[in-house]
């Protein structure tokens, strides 16, 4: 599989580290029931079959965090963008 980094261009997936699903908000540690919410946040993730958004780190390139939208069935990459939304 190849990913097109917005800064470095097309690269082999071996240059990247996948953090996992992008999107679930981190629970507030001061909120009531925080321990149970952190358990769910860390261990009870969806395992979708189809389009997904993931965080990837370009470890061997520009060292930027990216959001990769891809189909988990086919590994087709629909889009790659910087995680913080800027173009720098």
N, C-alpha and C. Protein backbone atom coordinates (compact mmCIF):
# COMPACT_ATOMS: atom_id res chain seq x y z
N UNK A 1 0.85 -1.17 0.00
CA UNK A 1 0.00 0.00 0.00
C UNK A 1 0.90 1.24 0.00
N UNK A 2 0.44 2.28 -0.68
CA UNK A 2 1.18 3.54 -0.75
C UNK A 2 0.28 4.67 -0.28
N UNK A 3 0.88 5.62 0.43
CA UNK A 3 0.17 6.81 0.89
C UNK A 3 0.83 8.03 0.28
N UNK A 4 0.03 9.02 -0.07
CA UNK A 4 0.56 10.26 -0.61
C UNK A 4 0.54 11.31 0.48
N UNK A 5 1.70 11.53 1.08
CA UNK A 5 1.85 12.55 2.11
C UNK A 5 1.71 13.93 1.44
N UNK A 6 0.92 14.84 2.03
CA UNK A 6 0.78 16.17 1.43
C UNK A 6 2.09 16.94 1.34
N UNK A 7 3.07 16.61 2.16
CA UNK A 7 4.35 17.31 2.16
C UNK A 7 5.40 16.56 1.34
N UNK A 8 5.50 15.24 1.51
CA UNK A 8 6.58 14.44 0.92
C UNK A 8 6.22 13.76 -0.40
N UNK A 9 4.93 13.67 -0.70
CA UNK A 9 4.52 12.96 -1.91
C UNK A 9 4.24 11.49 -1.64
N UNK A 10 4.14 10.72 -2.70
CA UNK A 10 3.78 9.30 -2.58
C UNK A 10 4.93 8.51 -1.95
N UNK A 11 4.57 7.71 -0.93
CA UNK A 11 5.55 6.93 -0.19
C UNK A 11 4.98 5.55 0.14
N UNK A 12 5.87 4.60 0.39
CA UNK A 12 5.46 3.26 0.82
C UNK A 12 4.93 3.33 2.24
N UNK A 13 3.96 2.50 2.55
CA UNK A 13 3.31 2.51 3.86
C UNK A 13 4.29 2.18 4.99
N UNK A 14 5.42 1.56 4.68
CA UNK A 14 6.40 1.21 5.71
C UNK A 14 7.04 2.44 6.35
N UNK A 15 6.89 3.61 5.72
CA UNK A 15 7.42 4.85 6.30
C UNK A 15 6.50 5.42 7.38
N UNK A 16 5.31 4.86 7.54
CA UNK A 16 4.28 5.42 8.42
C UNK A 16 3.97 4.49 9.59
N UNK A 17 3.44 5.07 10.65
CA UNK A 17 2.94 4.32 11.80
C UNK A 17 1.47 4.65 11.95
N UNK A 18 0.63 3.63 12.01
CA UNK A 18 -0.81 3.85 12.15
C UNK A 18 -1.18 3.88 13.63
N UNK A 19 -1.77 4.98 14.08
CA UNK A 19 -2.24 5.11 15.47
C UNK A 19 -3.59 4.45 15.64
N UNK A 20 -4.40 4.47 14.60
CA UNK A 20 -5.72 3.87 14.65
C UNK A 20 -6.80 4.88 14.31
N UNK A 21 -7.98 4.54 14.69
CA UNK A 21 -9.18 5.30 14.36
C UNK A 21 -9.06 6.78 14.76
N UNK A 22 -9.42 7.65 13.84
CA UNK A 22 -9.43 9.09 14.12
C UNK A 22 -10.85 9.50 14.46
N UNK A 23 -11.01 10.22 15.51
CA UNK A 23 -12.35 10.73 15.77
C UNK A 23 -12.89 10.57 17.16
N UNK A 24 -12.72 9.42 17.82
CA UNK A 24 -13.34 9.35 19.14
C UNK A 24 -12.69 10.34 20.09
N UNK A 25 -13.48 11.23 20.68
CA UNK A 25 -12.88 12.22 21.59
C UNK A 25 -12.37 11.59 22.88
N UNK A 26 -11.25 12.06 23.35
CA UNK A 26 -10.68 11.57 24.60
C UNK A 26 -11.58 12.02 25.75
N UNK A 27 -11.93 11.12 26.66
CA UNK A 27 -12.80 11.48 27.78
C UNK A 27 -12.12 12.47 28.74
N UNK A 28 -12.94 13.28 29.39
CA UNK A 28 -12.46 14.23 30.39
C UNK A 28 -12.12 13.45 31.66
N UNK A 29 -10.86 13.46 32.12
CA UNK A 29 -10.49 12.70 33.32
C UNK A 29 -11.15 13.21 34.59
N UNK A 30 -11.64 14.44 34.58
CA UNK A 30 -12.28 15.00 35.77
C UNK A 30 -13.78 14.73 35.82
N UNK A 31 -14.33 14.19 34.75
CA UNK A 31 -15.77 13.95 34.70
C UNK A 31 -16.15 12.73 35.54
N UNK A 32 -17.39 12.71 35.95
CA UNK A 32 -17.91 11.57 36.70
C UNK A 32 -17.89 10.33 35.79
N UNK A 33 -17.45 9.20 36.33
CA UNK A 33 -17.39 7.96 35.57
C UNK A 33 -16.24 7.91 34.57
N UNK A 34 -15.20 8.72 34.81
CA UNK A 34 -14.08 8.83 33.87
C UNK A 34 -13.37 7.49 33.68
N UNK A 35 -13.23 6.71 34.73
CA UNK A 35 -12.51 5.44 34.62
C UNK A 35 -13.21 4.51 33.62
N UNK A 36 -14.51 4.39 33.71
CA UNK A 36 -15.26 3.54 32.78
C UNK A 36 -15.20 4.09 31.36
N UNK A 37 -15.26 5.41 31.23
CA UNK A 37 -15.19 6.02 29.90
C UNK A 37 -13.82 5.82 29.26
N UNK A 38 -12.75 5.90 30.07
CA UNK A 38 -11.41 5.65 29.53
C UNK A 38 -11.26 4.19 29.11
N UNK A 39 -11.85 3.27 29.84
CA UNK A 39 -11.80 1.86 29.45
C UNK A 39 -12.46 1.69 28.08
N UNK A 40 -13.65 2.26 27.93
CA UNK A 40 -14.35 2.18 26.64
C UNK A 40 -13.53 2.83 25.53
N UNK A 41 -12.96 3.99 25.82
CA UNK A 41 -12.16 4.74 24.83
C UNK A 41 -10.95 3.92 24.37
N UNK A 42 -10.29 3.25 25.30
CA UNK A 42 -9.06 2.52 24.97
C UNK A 42 -9.31 1.13 24.39
N UNK A 43 -10.36 0.45 24.85
CA UNK A 43 -10.51 -0.97 24.50
C UNK A 43 -11.75 -1.32 23.69
N UNK A 44 -12.78 -0.52 23.73
CA UNK A 44 -14.02 -0.88 23.05
C UNK A 44 -14.23 -0.02 21.81
N UNK A 45 -13.40 -0.22 20.83
CA UNK A 45 -13.49 0.52 19.58
C UNK A 45 -14.29 -0.27 18.57
N UNK A 46 -14.89 0.45 17.63
CA UNK A 46 -15.57 -0.19 16.52
C UNK A 46 -14.52 -0.82 15.60
N UNK A 47 -14.92 -1.86 14.90
CA UNK A 47 -14.07 -2.48 13.90
C UNK A 47 -14.84 -2.46 12.59
N UNK A 48 -14.93 -1.27 11.95
CA UNK A 48 -15.78 -1.14 10.78
C UNK A 48 -15.23 -1.88 9.57
N UNK A 49 -16.14 -2.29 8.72
CA UNK A 49 -15.78 -2.91 7.45
C UNK A 49 -16.22 -1.93 6.37
N UNK A 50 -15.30 -1.18 5.84
CA UNK A 50 -15.63 -0.17 4.86
C UNK A 50 -14.84 1.09 5.11
N UNK A 51 -15.37 2.24 4.70
CA UNK A 51 -14.63 3.50 4.86
C UNK A 51 -14.33 3.83 6.32
N UNK A 52 -13.12 4.34 6.56
CA UNK A 52 -12.68 4.67 7.91
C UNK A 52 -11.73 5.84 7.85
N UNK A 53 -11.64 6.59 8.97
CA UNK A 53 -10.67 7.69 9.13
C UNK A 53 -9.67 7.25 10.19
N UNK A 54 -8.38 7.36 9.87
CA UNK A 54 -7.33 6.91 10.79
C UNK A 54 -6.24 7.97 10.91
N UNK A 55 -5.56 7.97 12.06
CA UNK A 55 -4.38 8.82 12.26
C UNK A 55 -3.14 8.00 11.89
N UNK A 56 -2.30 8.59 11.04
CA UNK A 56 -1.04 7.98 10.65
C UNK A 56 0.08 8.99 10.91
N UNK A 57 1.23 8.51 11.33
CA UNK A 57 2.41 9.35 11.59
C UNK A 57 3.48 9.04 10.55
N UNK A 58 3.97 10.07 9.86
CA UNK A 58 5.00 9.87 8.85
C UNK A 58 6.37 9.87 9.53
N UNK A 59 6.73 8.73 10.10
CA UNK A 59 7.91 8.60 10.94
C UNK A 59 9.22 8.73 10.17
N UNK A 60 9.26 8.27 8.92
CA UNK A 60 10.50 8.26 8.15
C UNK A 60 10.52 9.41 7.14
N UNK A 61 9.59 10.33 7.27
CA UNK A 61 9.52 11.47 6.36
C UNK A 61 9.48 12.76 7.12
N UNK A 62 8.40 13.49 6.94
CA UNK A 62 8.26 14.84 7.51
C UNK A 62 7.88 14.85 8.98
N UNK A 63 7.60 13.68 9.55
CA UNK A 63 7.23 13.55 10.97
C UNK A 63 5.97 14.32 11.32
N UNK A 64 5.02 14.31 10.41
CA UNK A 64 3.74 14.98 10.62
C UNK A 64 2.66 13.94 10.85
N UNK A 65 1.63 14.30 11.60
CA UNK A 65 0.45 13.46 11.78
C UNK A 65 -0.51 13.72 10.62
N UNK A 66 -1.07 12.65 10.09
CA UNK A 66 -1.98 12.73 8.95
C UNK A 66 -3.29 12.05 9.29
N UNK A 67 -4.35 12.49 8.64
CA UNK A 67 -5.63 11.78 8.69
C UNK A 67 -5.80 11.12 7.33
N UNK A 68 -5.89 9.79 7.36
CA UNK A 68 -6.03 9.01 6.14
C UNK A 68 -7.44 8.43 6.11
N UNK A 69 -8.15 8.70 5.03
CA UNK A 69 -9.46 8.09 4.81
C UNK A 69 -9.25 6.96 3.82
N UNK A 70 -9.60 5.72 4.24
CA UNK A 70 -9.42 4.58 3.37
C UNK A 70 -10.49 3.53 3.61
N UNK A 71 -10.65 2.66 2.64
CA UNK A 71 -11.61 1.56 2.74
C UNK A 71 -10.88 0.38 3.36
N UNK A 72 -11.33 -0.08 4.51
CA UNK A 72 -10.66 -1.16 5.22
C UNK A 72 -10.80 -2.52 4.53
N UNK A 73 -11.76 -2.65 3.62
CA UNK A 73 -11.91 -3.91 2.88
C UNK A 73 -10.88 -4.02 1.77
N UNK A 74 -10.66 -2.93 1.06
CA UNK A 74 -9.81 -2.96 -0.13
C UNK A 74 -8.48 -2.22 0.04
N UNK A 75 -8.33 -1.45 1.12
CA UNK A 75 -7.18 -0.60 1.40
C UNK A 75 -7.06 0.56 0.41
N UNK A 76 -8.12 0.83 -0.35
CA UNK A 76 -8.12 1.98 -1.25
C UNK A 76 -8.06 3.25 -0.41
N UNK A 77 -7.12 4.12 -0.72
CA UNK A 77 -6.95 5.39 0.00
C UNK A 77 -7.75 6.45 -0.74
N UNK A 78 -8.73 7.05 -0.03
CA UNK A 78 -9.55 8.09 -0.63
C UNK A 78 -8.94 9.48 -0.46
N UNK A 79 -8.33 9.75 0.72
CA UNK A 79 -7.71 11.06 0.93
C UNK A 79 -6.68 10.98 2.05
N UNK A 80 -5.73 11.90 1.98
CA UNK A 80 -4.71 12.07 3.02
C UNK A 80 -4.59 13.58 3.26
N UNK A 81 -4.64 13.99 4.53
CA UNK A 81 -4.52 15.40 4.88
C UNK A 81 -3.76 15.53 6.19
N UNK A 82 -3.16 16.71 6.41
CA UNK A 82 -2.52 16.96 7.70
C UNK A 82 -3.58 16.90 8.80
N UNK A 83 -3.24 16.31 9.93
CA UNK A 83 -4.20 16.14 11.02
C UNK A 83 -4.63 17.47 11.62
N UNK A 84 -3.75 18.47 11.63
CA UNK A 84 -4.12 19.75 12.22
C UNK A 84 -4.81 20.68 11.22
N UNK A 85 -4.96 20.23 9.98
CA UNK A 85 -5.71 20.99 8.99
C UNK A 85 -4.95 22.06 8.25
N UNK A 86 -3.70 22.33 8.62
CA UNK A 86 -2.96 23.37 7.89
C UNK A 86 -2.15 22.76 6.76
N UNK A 87 -1.63 23.58 5.95
CA UNK A 87 -0.83 23.10 4.82
C UNK A 87 0.66 23.23 5.04
N UNK A 88 1.06 23.56 6.26
CA UNK A 88 2.50 23.76 6.54
C UNK A 88 3.20 22.47 6.83
